[in-house]
Amino acid sequence: MKSTKRTQPKRGSRKRTPQDALTLLDRAARRRTAPDGALELAVALASLTALVTVDIRQEPFRTEPADLFDLTFAAVGIDEPQMGFLREQLKHLLPGIAADLDANSQVLDQPNHRIGDYAQFLKVALLLNTK
């Protein structure tokens, strides 16, 4: 009787699809006890501009540029109309603070704001809405 050998595909050899990224984001979010909004903000930015990438496979997540939260939105290619898209994505990723994002949109939707300050707003809003 002739035996056949089954071969396994090499790990990491398959291409990642956008669905894989969402799965990784979901897994990363589950590992954290409570979201602070930084990861969601970085992922939303990466979806809007090629100047930002996020590696969520590491703990903690890493961004390119590494000093992302020290930069302004304009520095990573986000203009005023895109700020509205950013807010909509954050409302989808952080539905518990959607009303806060809309209520503060005139202040938040400014591309000259520092990304770290926006992240701080998200953190405070999430803490205040935790029940």
Protein backbone atom coordinates (compact mmCIF):
# COMPACT_ATOMS: atom_id res chain seq x y z
CA MET A 1 0.00 0.00 0.00
CA LYS A 2 1.37 3.35 -1.04
CA SER A 3 1.20 6.15 1.51
CA THR A 4 0.57 9.70 0.53
CA LYS A 5 2.11 12.58 2.34
CA ARG A 6 -0.02 15.64 3.04
CA THR A 7 1.80 18.90 2.97
CA GLN A 8 0.80 21.92 4.96
CA PRO A 9 1.05 25.38 3.47
CA LYS A 10 3.81 27.51 4.95
CA ARG A 11 2.66 29.73 7.76
CA GLY A 12 2.40 33.36 6.80
CA SER A 13 2.67 32.56 3.13
CA ARG A 14 -0.88 33.51 2.22
CA LYS A 15 -1.72 37.06 1.30
CA ARG A 16 -3.63 39.10 3.83
CA THR A 17 -6.95 40.51 2.78
CA PRO A 18 -8.81 43.50 4.24
CA GLN A 19 -10.99 41.00 6.10
CA ASP A 20 -7.85 39.70 7.83
CA ALA A 21 -7.05 43.21 9.02
CA LEU A 22 -10.52 43.57 10.50
CA THR A 23 -10.13 40.24 12.24
CA LEU A 24 -6.80 41.34 13.67
CA LEU A 25 -8.36 44.60 14.84
CA ASP A 26 -11.18 42.68 16.49
CA ARG A 27 -8.72 40.37 18.24
CA ALA A 28 -6.60 43.30 19.39
CA ALA A 29 -9.66 45.07 20.76
CA ARG A 30 -10.70 41.98 22.71
CA ARG A 31 -7.28 41.77 24.38
CA ARG A 32 -7.65 45.25 25.81
CA THR A 33 -9.84 45.59 28.88
CA ALA A 34 -11.30 48.90 27.77
CA PRO A 35 -10.61 50.81 24.56
CA ASP A 36 -9.00 54.21 24.91
CA GLY A 37 -9.63 55.19 21.31
CA ALA A 38 -5.97 55.40 20.23
CA LEU A 39 -6.00 52.17 18.24
CA GLU A 40 -9.31 53.04 16.59
CA LEU A 41 -8.04 56.51 15.71
CA ALA A 42 -4.84 55.10 14.20
CA VAL A 43 -6.76 52.50 12.17
CA ALA A 44 -9.24 55.12 10.94
CA LEU A 45 -6.35 57.36 9.87
CA ALA A 46 -4.61 54.48 8.09
CA SER A 47 -7.80 53.87 6.13
CA LEU A 48 -7.85 57.48 4.92
CA THR A 49 -4.20 58.11 4.06
CA ALA A 50 -1.30 56.07 2.73
CA LEU A 51 1.01 58.13 4.97
CA VAL A 52 -0.14 56.17 8.04
CA THR A 53 0.16 52.45 8.67
CA VAL A 54 -0.72 50.48 11.79
CA ASP A 55 0.71 47.16 12.92
CA ILE A 56 -1.87 45.64 15.26
CA ARG A 57 -0.18 42.27 15.46
CA GLN A 58 2.12 43.60 18.16
CA GLU A 59 1.23 44.50 21.72
CA PRO A 60 1.12 47.47 22.00
CA PHE A 61 0.24 48.36 18.42
CA ARG A 62 2.78 50.32 16.37
CA THR A 63 2.28 53.07 13.85
CA GLU A 64 4.26 54.47 10.99
CA PRO A 65 5.19 57.26 11.46
CA ALA A 66 6.23 56.26 14.96
CA ASP A 67 5.45 59.74 16.31
CA LEU A 68 1.93 59.73 14.83
CA PHE A 69 0.28 61.10 17.97
CA ASP A 70 2.68 64.07 18.05
CA LEU A 71 1.78 65.12 14.49
CA THR A 72 -1.17 67.10 13.20
CA PHE A 73 -3.79 65.61 10.89
CA ALA A 74 -2.57 67.93 8.12
CA ALA A 75 0.96 66.53 8.50
CA VAL A 76 -0.33 63.06 7.52
CA GLY A 77 -2.34 64.35 4.57
CA ILE A 78 -5.77 64.74 6.17
CA ASP A 79 -7.62 67.87 5.07
CA GLU A 80 -10.85 69.40 6.40
CA PRO A 81 -13.31 67.37 4.27
CA GLN A 82 -11.54 64.14 5.29
CA MET A 83 -11.94 65.04 8.96
CA GLY A 84 -15.66 64.40 8.54
CA PHE A 85 -14.90 60.95 7.11
CA LEU A 86 -12.58 60.30 10.06
CA ARG A 87 -15.35 61.20 12.50
CA GLU A 88 -17.79 58.88 10.69
CA GLN A 89 -15.33 56.00 10.88
CA LEU A 90 -14.75 56.63 14.57
CA LYS A 91 -18.50 56.65 15.17
CA HIS A 92 -18.62 53.21 13.57
CA LEU A 93 -15.61 51.92 15.56
CA LEU A 94 -16.66 53.55 18.85
CA PRO A 95 -20.47 53.69 18.75
CA GLY A 96 -20.72 54.49 22.47
CA ILE A 97 -19.36 57.99 21.88
CA ALA A 98 -20.96 58.76 18.50
CA ALA A 99 -23.09 61.53 20.04
CA ASP A 100 -20.00 63.11 21.66
CA LEU A 101 -18.17 63.09 18.34
CA ASP A 102 -21.08 64.80 16.60
CA ALA A 103 -21.62 67.31 19.41
CA ASN A 104 -17.97 68.39 19.26
CA SER A 105 -17.49 68.16 15.50
CA GLN A 106 -16.84 71.88 14.97
CA VAL A 107 -13.90 71.71 17.37
CA LEU A 108 -12.66 68.24 16.40
CA ASP A 109 -12.85 68.52 12.61
CA GLN A 110 -9.79 70.76 12.32
CA PRO A 111 -6.83 69.30 10.40
CA ASN A 112 -4.36 71.50 12.29
CA HIS A 113 -5.13 69.76 15.59
CA ARG A 114 -2.58 67.42 17.08
CA ILE A 115 -3.59 63.75 16.66
CA GLY A 116 -2.64 63.06 20.28
CA ASP A 117 -5.11 65.70 21.49
CA TYR A 118 -7.88 64.05 19.47
CA ALA A 119 -6.90 60.70 21.01
CA GLN A 120 -7.11 62.28 24.47
CA PHE A 121 -10.64 63.50 23.70
CA LEU A 122 -11.60 59.95 22.67
CA LYS A 123 -10.13 58.52 25.87
CA VAL A 124 -12.01 60.95 28.10
CA ALA A 125 -15.27 60.47 26.17
CA LEU A 126 -14.95 56.70 26.48
CA LEU A 127 -14.23 56.92 30.20
CA LEU A 128 -17.24 59.17 30.77
CA ASN A 129 -19.50 56.85 28.78
CA THR A 130 -18.40 53.64 30.51
CA LYS A 131 -21.29 52.36 32.56
